[in-house]
Structure formats: structure tokens, C-alpha cells
All heavy atoms as atom14 arrays in JSON, in Angstrom:
{
  "sequence": "HSGLGQPLRAEIEIVSLERGEVESLTAKLAGQEAF",
  "atom14_mask": [
    [1, 1, 1, 1, 1, 1, 1, 1, 1, 1, 0, 0, 0, 0],
    [1, 1, 1, 1, 1, 1, 0, 0, 0, 0, 0, 0, 0, 0],
    [1, 1, 1, 1, 0, 0, 0, 0, 0, 0, 0, 0, 0, 0],
    [1, 1, 1, 1, 1, 1, 1, 1, 0, 0, 0, 0, 0, 0],
    [1, 1, 1, 1, 0, 0, 0, 0, 0, 0, 0, 0, 0, 0],
    [1, 1, 1, 1, 1, 1, 1, 1, 1, 0, 0, 0, 0, 0],
    [1, 1, 1, 1, 1, 1, 1, 0, 0, 0, 0, 0, 0, 0],
    [1, 1, 1, 1, 1, 1, 1, 1, 0, 0, 0, 0, 0, 0],
    [1, 1, 1, 1, 1, 1, 1, 1, 1, 1, 1, 0, 0, 0],
    [1, 1, 1, 1, 1, 0, 0, 0, 0, 0, 0, 0, 0, 0],
    [1, 1, 1, 1, 1, 1, 1, 1, 1, 0, 0, 0, 0, 0],
    [1, 1, 1, 1, 1, 1, 1, 1, 0, 0, 0, 0, 0, 0],
    [1, 1, 1, 1, 1, 1, 1, 1, 1, 0, 0, 0, 0, 0],
    [1, 1, 1, 1, 1, 1, 1, 1, 0, 0, 0, 0, 0, 0],
    [1, 1, 1, 1, 1, 1, 1, 0, 0, 0, 0, 0, 0, 0],
    [1, 1, 1, 1, 1, 1, 0, 0, 0, 0, 0, 0, 0, 0],
    [1, 1, 1, 1, 1, 1, 1, 1, 0, 0, 0, 0, 0, 0],
    [1, 1, 1, 1, 1, 1, 1, 1, 1, 0, 0, 0, 0, 0],
    [1, 1, 1, 1, 1, 1, 1, 1, 1, 1, 1, 0, 0, 0],
    [1, 1, 1, 1, 0, 0, 0, 0, 0, 0, 0, 0, 0, 0],
    [1, 1, 1, 1, 1, 1, 1, 1, 1, 0, 0, 0, 0, 0],
    [1, 1, 1, 1, 1, 1, 1, 0, 0, 0, 0, 0, 0, 0],
    [1, 1, 1, 1, 1, 1, 1, 1, 1, 0, 0, 0, 0, 0],
    [1, 1, 1, 1, 1, 1, 0, 0, 0, 0, 0, 0, 0, 0],
    [1, 1, 1, 1, 1, 1, 1, 1, 0, 0, 0, 0, 0, 0],
    [1, 1, 1, 1, 1, 1, 1, 0, 0, 0, 0, 0, 0, 0],
    [1, 1, 1, 1, 1, 0, 0, 0, 0, 0, 0, 0, 0, 0],
    [1, 1, 1, 1, 1, 1, 1, 1, 1, 0, 0, 0, 0, 0],
    [1, 1, 1, 1, 1, 1, 1, 1, 0, 0, 0, 0, 0, 0],
    [1, 1, 1, 1, 1, 0, 0, 0, 0, 0, 0, 0, 0, 0],
    [1, 1, 1, 1, 0, 0, 0, 0, 0, 0, 0, 0, 0, 0],
    [1, 1, 1, 1, 1, 1, 1, 1, 1, 0, 0, 0, 0, 0],
    [1, 1, 1, 1, 1, 1, 1, 1, 1, 0, 0, 0, 0, 0],
    [1, 1, 1, 1, 1, 0, 0, 0, 0, 0, 0, 0, 0, 0],
    [1, 1, 1, 1, 1, 1, 1, 1, 1, 1, 1, 0, 0, 0]
  ],
  "atom14_positions": [
    [[2.48, 11.05, 6.76], [2.65, 11.51, 8.19], [4.2, 11.87, 8.54], [4.5, 12.01, 9.69], [2.19, 10.3, 9.09], [0.8, 9.96, 9.07], [-0.15, 10.68, 9.58], [0.2, 9.01, 8.49], [-1.39, 10.15, 9.23], [-1.07, 9.1, 8.5], [0.0, 0.0, 0.0], [0.0, 0.0, 0.0], [0.0, 0.0, 0.0], [0.0, 0.0, 0.0]],
    [[5.1, 11.98, 7.53], [6.41, 12.27, 7.84], [6.88, 13.34, 6.83], [6.27, 13.75, 5.89], [7.26, 11.02, 7.65], [7.1, 10.51, 6.24], [0.0, 0.0, 0.0], [0.0, 0.0, 0.0], [0.0, 0.0, 0.0], [0.0, 0.0, 0.0], [0.0, 0.0, 0.0], [0.0, 0.0, 0.0], [0.0, 0.0, 0.0], [0.0, 0.0, 0.0]],
    [[8.0, 13.94, 7.21], [8.63, 15.02, 6.43], [9.89, 14.54, 5.77], [10.47, 13.47, 6.02], [0.0, 0.0, 0.0], [0.0, 0.0, 0.0], [0.0, 0.0, 0.0], [0.0, 0.0, 0.0], [0.0, 0.0, 0.0], [0.0, 0.0, 0.0], [0.0, 0.0, 0.0], [0.0, 0.0, 0.0], [0.0, 0.0, 0.0], [0.0, 0.0, 0.0]],
    [[10.59, 15.57, 5.08], [11.85, 15.19, 4.33], [12.95, 14.99, 5.36], [12.92, 15.63, 6.41], [12.15, 16.48, 3.59], [13.37, 16.39, 2.65], [13.26, 15.41, 1.54], [13.64, 17.86, 2.07], [0.0, 0.0, 0.0], [0.0, 0.0, 0.0], [0.0, 0.0, 0.0], [0.0, 0.0, 0.0], [0.0, 0.0, 0.0], [0.0, 0.0, 0.0]],
    [[13.72, 14.0, 5.08], [14.81, 13.65, 6.0], [14.48, 12.72, 7.11], [15.37, 12.39, 7.98], [0.0, 0.0, 0.0], [0.0, 0.0, 0.0], [0.0, 0.0, 0.0], [0.0, 0.0, 0.0], [0.0, 0.0, 0.0], [0.0, 0.0, 0.0], [0.0, 0.0, 0.0], [0.0, 0.0, 0.0], [0.0, 0.0, 0.0], [0.0, 0.0, 0.0]],
    [[13.29, 12.29, 7.09], [12.75, 11.44, 8.14], [12.39, 9.99, 7.48], [12.18, 9.9, 6.23], [11.44, 11.89, 8.79], [11.6, 13.11, 9.52], [10.23, 13.48, 10.21], [9.17, 13.43, 9.59], [10.39, 13.97, 11.43], [0.0, 0.0, 0.0], [0.0, 0.0, 0.0], [0.0, 0.0, 0.0], [0.0, 0.0, 0.0], [0.0, 0.0, 0.0]],
    [[12.34, 8.91, 8.22], [11.84, 7.72, 7.71], [10.33, 7.89, 7.2], [9.56, 8.6, 7.83], [11.74, 6.8, 8.84], [12.87, 7.27, 9.7], [12.76, 8.7, 9.66], [0.0, 0.0, 0.0], [0.0, 0.0, 0.0], [0.0, 0.0, 0.0], [0.0, 0.0, 0.0], [0.0, 0.0, 0.0], [0.0, 0.0, 0.0], [0.0, 0.0, 0.0]],
    [[10.04, 7.34, 5.99], [8.63, 7.65, 5.39], [7.65, 6.85, 6.23], [7.72, 5.7, 6.63], [8.58, 7.08, 3.95], [7.25, 7.27, 3.39], [7.03, 8.81, 3.06], [7.29, 6.56, 1.92], [0.0, 0.0, 0.0], [0.0, 0.0, 0.0], [0.0, 0.0, 0.0], [0.0, 0.0, 0.0], [0.0, 0.0, 0.0], [0.0, 0.0, 0.0]],
    [[6.5, 7.6, 6.55], [5.42, 7.04, 7.21], [4.22, 7.52, 6.49], [3.99, 8.79, 6.46], [5.33, 7.31, 8.66], [6.38, 6.78, 9.53], [6.28, 7.16, 10.99], [6.19, 8.58, 11.26], [4.92, 9.3, 11.63], [3.99, 8.56, 11.87], [4.98, 10.62, 11.73], [0.0, 0.0, 0.0], [0.0, 0.0, 0.0], [0.0, 0.0, 0.0]],
    [[3.53, 6.64, 5.74], [2.31, 7.07, 4.99], [1.29, 5.86, 5.08], [1.6, 4.78, 5.33], [2.61, 7.41, 3.58], [0.0, 0.0, 0.0], [0.0, 0.0, 0.0], [0.0, 0.0, 0.0], [0.0, 0.0, 0.0], [0.0, 0.0, 0.0], [0.0, 0.0, 0.0], [0.0, 0.0, 0.0], [0.0, 0.0, 0.0], [0.0, 0.0, 0.0]],
    [[0.04, 6.23, 4.77], [-0.92, 5.28, 4.67], [-1.86, 5.48, 3.47], [-2.21, 6.63, 3.18], [-1.71, 5.01, 5.94], [-2.52, 6.27, 6.39], [-3.14, 5.96, 7.85], [-2.43, 5.66, 8.68], [-4.34, 6.34, 7.86], [0.0, 0.0, 0.0], [0.0, 0.0, 0.0], [0.0, 0.0, 0.0], [0.0, 0.0, 0.0], [0.0, 0.0, 0.0]],
    [[-2.41, 4.46, 2.87], [-3.25, 4.45, 1.83], [-4.61, 3.67, 2.17], [-4.46, 2.51, 2.56], [-2.56, 3.79, 0.5], [-1.28, 4.43, 0.25], [-3.56, 3.89, -0.68], [-0.35, 3.73, -0.78], [0.0, 0.0, 0.0], [0.0, 0.0, 0.0], [0.0, 0.0, 0.0], [0.0, 0.0, 0.0], [0.0, 0.0, 0.0], [0.0, 0.0, 0.0]],
    [[-5.7, 4.4, 1.89], [-6.98, 3.76, 2.19], [-7.12, 2.62, 1.16], [-6.81, 2.71, 0.03], [-8.08, 4.75, 2.05], [-8.17, 5.88, 2.92], [-9.21, 6.81, 2.46], [-9.53, 6.92, 1.31], [-9.66, 7.56, 3.49], [0.0, 0.0, 0.0], [0.0, 0.0, 0.0], [0.0, 0.0, 0.0], [0.0, 0.0, 0.0], [0.0, 0.0, 0.0]],
    [[-7.71, 1.53, 1.72], [-8.11, 0.38, 0.75], [-9.65, 0.47, 0.74], [-10.31, 0.57, 1.76], [-7.77, -0.99, 1.36], [-6.25, -1.12, 1.44], [-8.3, -2.11, 0.5], [-5.62, -2.27, 2.13], [0.0, 0.0, 0.0], [0.0, 0.0, 0.0], [0.0, 0.0, 0.0], [0.0, 0.0, 0.0], [0.0, 0.0, 0.0], [0.0, 0.0, 0.0]],
    [[-10.12, 0.67, -0.38], [-11.68, 0.79, -0.63], [-12.29, -0.33, -1.34], [-11.61, -1.15, -2.1], [-11.95, 2.16, -1.33], [-11.48, 3.33, -0.63], [-11.29, 2.11, -2.71], [0.0, 0.0, 0.0], [0.0, 0.0, 0.0], [0.0, 0.0, 0.0], [0.0, 0.0, 0.0], [0.0, 0.0, 0.0], [0.0, 0.0, 0.0], [0.0, 0.0, 0.0]],
    [[-13.47, -0.56, -1.14], [-14.41, -1.46, -1.86], [-13.96, -2.87, -1.76], [-13.96, -3.72, -2.58], [-14.47, -1.12, -3.46], [-14.88, 0.05, -3.62], [0.0, 0.0, 0.0], [0.0, 0.0, 0.0], [0.0, 0.0, 0.0], [0.0, 0.0, 0.0], [0.0, 0.0, 0.0], [0.0, 0.0, 0.0], [0.0, 0.0, 0.0], [0.0, 0.0, 0.0]],
    [[-13.57, -3.24, -0.46], [-13.21, -4.65, -0.22], [-14.37, -5.5, -0.2], [-15.44, -5.16, 0.46], [-12.46, -4.85, 1.13], [-11.03, -4.61, 1.08], [-10.56, -4.76, 2.63], [-10.29, -5.57, 0.31], [0.0, 0.0, 0.0], [0.0, 0.0, 0.0], [0.0, 0.0, 0.0], [0.0, 0.0, 0.0], [0.0, 0.0, 0.0], [0.0, 0.0, 0.0]],
    [[-14.43, -6.72, -0.85], [-15.54, -7.63, -0.78], [-15.19, -8.58, 0.33], [-14.01, -8.86, 0.66], [-15.66, -8.46, -2.24], [-16.18, -7.44, -3.18], [-17.59, -7.07, -2.99], [-18.44, -7.91, -2.77], [-17.89, -5.88, -3.16], [0.0, 0.0, 0.0], [0.0, 0.0, 0.0], [0.0, 0.0, 0.0], [0.0, 0.0, 0.0], [0.0, 0.0, 0.0]],
    [[-16.27, -9.28, 0.76], [-16.05, -10.31, 1.88], [-15.09, -11.3, 1.28], [-15.14, -11.82, 0.2], [-17.4, -10.99, 2.08], [-17.27, -12.07, 3.2], [-18.63, -12.46, 3.49], [-19.17, -11.28, 4.26], [-20.35, -11.34, 4.95], [-20.95, -12.34, 5.08], [-20.64, -10.22, 5.49], [0.0, 0.0, 0.0], [0.0, 0.0, 0.0], [0.0, 0.0, 0.0]],
    [[-14.09, -11.75, 2.1], [-13.17, -12.77, 1.77], [-11.93, -12.27, 1.21], [-10.88, -12.99, 0.97], [0.0, 0.0, 0.0], [0.0, 0.0, 0.0], [0.0, 0.0, 0.0], [0.0, 0.0, 0.0], [0.0, 0.0, 0.0], [0.0, 0.0, 0.0], [0.0, 0.0, 0.0], [0.0, 0.0, 0.0], [0.0, 0.0, 0.0], [0.0, 0.0, 0.0]],
    [[-11.86, -10.99, 0.63], [-10.68, -10.46, -0.01], [-9.52, -10.14, 0.83], [-8.4, -10.37, 0.5], [-11.0, -9.25, -0.86], [-11.8, -9.6, -2.18], [-12.18, -8.26, -2.96], [-12.13, -7.22, -2.42], [-12.37, -8.51, -4.17], [0.0, 0.0, 0.0], [0.0, 0.0, 0.0], [0.0, 0.0, 0.0], [0.0, 0.0, 0.0], [0.0, 0.0, 0.0]],
    [[-9.84, -9.78, 2.08], [-8.83, -9.18, 2.96], [-7.77, -10.36, 3.32], [-6.63, -10.13, 3.52], [-9.42, -8.63, 4.14], [-10.04, -9.6, 5.12], [-8.4, -7.76, 4.9], [0.0, 0.0, 0.0], [0.0, 0.0, 0.0], [0.0, 0.0, 0.0], [0.0, 0.0, 0.0], [0.0, 0.0, 0.0], [0.0, 0.0, 0.0], [0.0, 0.0, 0.0]],
    [[-8.31, -11.56, 3.35], [-7.39, -12.73, 3.77], [-6.25, -12.88, 2.76], [-5.19, -13.38, 3.23], [-8.26, -13.98, 3.9], [-9.14, -14.02, 5.05], [-10.45, -13.31, 4.85], [-10.82, -12.96, 3.69], [-11.1, -13.06, 5.89], [0.0, 0.0, 0.0], [0.0, 0.0, 0.0], [0.0, 0.0, 0.0], [0.0, 0.0, 0.0], [0.0, 0.0, 0.0]],
    [[-6.44, -12.58, 1.56], [-5.45, -12.84, 0.53], [-4.81, -11.62, 0.08], [-4.02, -11.46, -0.84], [-6.03, -13.53, -0.75], [-6.96, -12.71, -1.31], [0.0, 0.0, 0.0], [0.0, 0.0, 0.0], [0.0, 0.0, 0.0], [0.0, 0.0, 0.0], [0.0, 0.0, 0.0], [0.0, 0.0, 0.0], [0.0, 0.0, 0.0], [0.0, 0.0, 0.0]],
    [[-5.08, -10.39, 0.8], [-4.67, -9.08, 0.27], [-3.18, -8.88, 0.7], [-2.83, -9.05, 1.71], [-5.48, -8.02, 0.99], [-5.63, -6.68, 0.38], [-6.24, -6.72, -0.97], [-6.53, -5.91, 1.37], [0.0, 0.0, 0.0], [0.0, 0.0, 0.0], [0.0, 0.0, 0.0], [0.0, 0.0, 0.0], [0.0, 0.0, 0.0], [0.0, 0.0, 0.0]],
    [[-2.46, -8.37, -0.44], [-1.07, -8.03, -0.23], [-0.78, -6.69, -0.93], [-1.39, -6.46, -1.89], [-0.01, -9.07, -0.66], [-0.22, -9.27, -2.07], [-0.29, -10.33, 0.04], [0.0, 0.0, 0.0], [0.0, 0.0, 0.0], [0.0, 0.0, 0.0], [0.0, 0.0, 0.0], [0.0, 0.0, 0.0], [0.0, 0.0, 0.0], [0.0, 0.0, 0.0]],
    [[0.18, -6.04, -0.49], [0.61, -4.65, -0.98], [2.16, -4.78, -1.15], [2.92, -5.26, -0.29], [0.16, -3.48, -0.28], [0.0, 0.0, 0.0], [0.0, 0.0, 0.0], [0.0, 0.0, 0.0], [0.0, 0.0, 0.0], [0.0, 0.0, 0.0], [0.0, 0.0, 0.0], [0.0, 0.0, 0.0], [0.0, 0.0, 0.0], [0.0, 0.0, 0.0]],
    [[2.54, -4.15, -2.26], [4.01, -4.05, -2.49], [4.47, -2.93, -3.54], [3.53, -2.51, -4.15], [4.59, -5.37, -2.94], [4.15, -5.83, -4.25], [4.74, -7.17, -4.66], [4.31, -7.67, -6.04], [4.86, -8.89, -6.43], [0.0, 0.0, 0.0], [0.0, 0.0, 0.0], [0.0, 0.0, 0.0], [0.0, 0.0, 0.0], [0.0, 0.0, 0.0]],
    [[5.58, -2.66, -3.6], [6.06, -1.79, -4.64], [5.99, -2.49, -5.98], [6.28, -3.75, -6.17], [7.66, -1.34, -4.35], [8.1, -0.38, -5.33], [7.54, 1.07, -5.12], [9.64, -0.24, -5.06], [0.0, 0.0, 0.0], [0.0, 0.0, 0.0], [0.0, 0.0, 0.0], [0.0, 0.0, 0.0], [0.0, 0.0, 0.0], [0.0, 0.0, 0.0]],
    [[5.37, -1.9, -6.95], [5.3, -2.56, -8.35], [6.65, -2.82, -8.91], [7.71, -2.35, -8.45], [4.43, -1.58, -9.2], [0.0, 0.0, 0.0], [0.0, 0.0, 0.0], [0.0, 0.0, 0.0], [0.0, 0.0, 0.0], [0.0, 0.0, 0.0], [0.0, 0.0, 0.0], [0.0, 0.0, 0.0], [0.0, 0.0, 0.0], [0.0, 0.0, 0.0]],
    [[6.66, -3.86, -9.74], [7.91, -4.32, -10.34], [8.54, -3.46, -11.22], [7.82, -2.39, -11.78], [0.0, 0.0, 0.0], [0.0, 0.0, 0.0], [0.0, 0.0, 0.0], [0.0, 0.0, 0.0], [0.0, 0.0, 0.0], [0.0, 0.0, 0.0], [0.0, 0.0, 0.0], [0.0, 0.0, 0.0], [0.0, 0.0, 0.0], [0.0, 0.0, 0.0]],
    [[9.8, -3.65, -11.62], [10.52, -2.83, -12.57], [9.82, -2.63, -13.92], [9.82, -1.53, -14.43], [11.9, -3.47, -12.83], [12.92, -3.34, -11.61], [14.19, -3.8, -11.9], [14.32, -4.59, -12.85], [15.15, -3.65, -11.1], [0.0, 0.0, 0.0], [0.0, 0.0, 0.0], [0.0, 0.0, 0.0], [0.0, 0.0, 0.0], [0.0, 0.0, 0.0]],
    [[9.12, -3.61, -14.36], [8.46, -3.53, -15.74], [7.34, -2.62, -15.66], [7.11, -1.81, -16.56], [7.95, -4.97, -16.07], [7.23, -4.99, -17.43], [8.11, -4.49, -18.62], [9.38, -4.59, -18.51], [7.43, -4.11, -19.65], [0.0, 0.0, 0.0], [0.0, 0.0, 0.0], [0.0, 0.0, 0.0], [0.0, 0.0, 0.0], [0.0, 0.0, 0.0]],
    [[6.6, -2.63, -14.5], [5.44, -1.69, -14.34], [5.98, -0.23, -14.3], [5.29, 0.77, -14.89], [4.76, -1.8, -13.04], [0.0, 0.0, 0.0], [0.0, 0.0, 0.0], [0.0, 0.0, 0.0], [0.0, 0.0, 0.0], [0.0, 0.0, 0.0], [0.0, 0.0, 0.0], [0.0, 0.0, 0.0], [0.0, 0.0, 0.0], [0.0, 0.0, 0.0]],
    [[7.2, 0.09, -13.66], [7.78, 1.35, -13.69], [8.15, 1.78, -15.13], [7.95, 2.87, -15.55], [8.88, 1.5, -12.66], [8.55, 1.67, -11.24], [8.16, 0.73, -10.45], [8.58, 3.05, -10.82], [7.82, 1.03, -9.13], [8.23, 3.36, -9.47], [7.81, 2.24, -8.57], [0.0, 0.0, 0.0], [0.0, 0.0, 0.0], [0.0, 0.0, 0.0]]
  ]
}
């Protein structure tokens, strides 16, 4: 939702959530090792 030179604004759909998963759900940038 943003362009170059602006603060980044983006959203990613979360799909296939099972009941009870949302309570423990977290998102983050993957670690250095994954990169």
C-alpha cells in the first residue's frame, strides 16, 4: 500500500487457520540464519 520513499505499509493474508491457532500466532522477520 506504499511507494518508494515512504514508510512501508503492506499486508499479507493468513490462510488456513485452525481453531485455537490465532491465540499463539506471531509474525516477524526471519532470522539471519534463514536469510
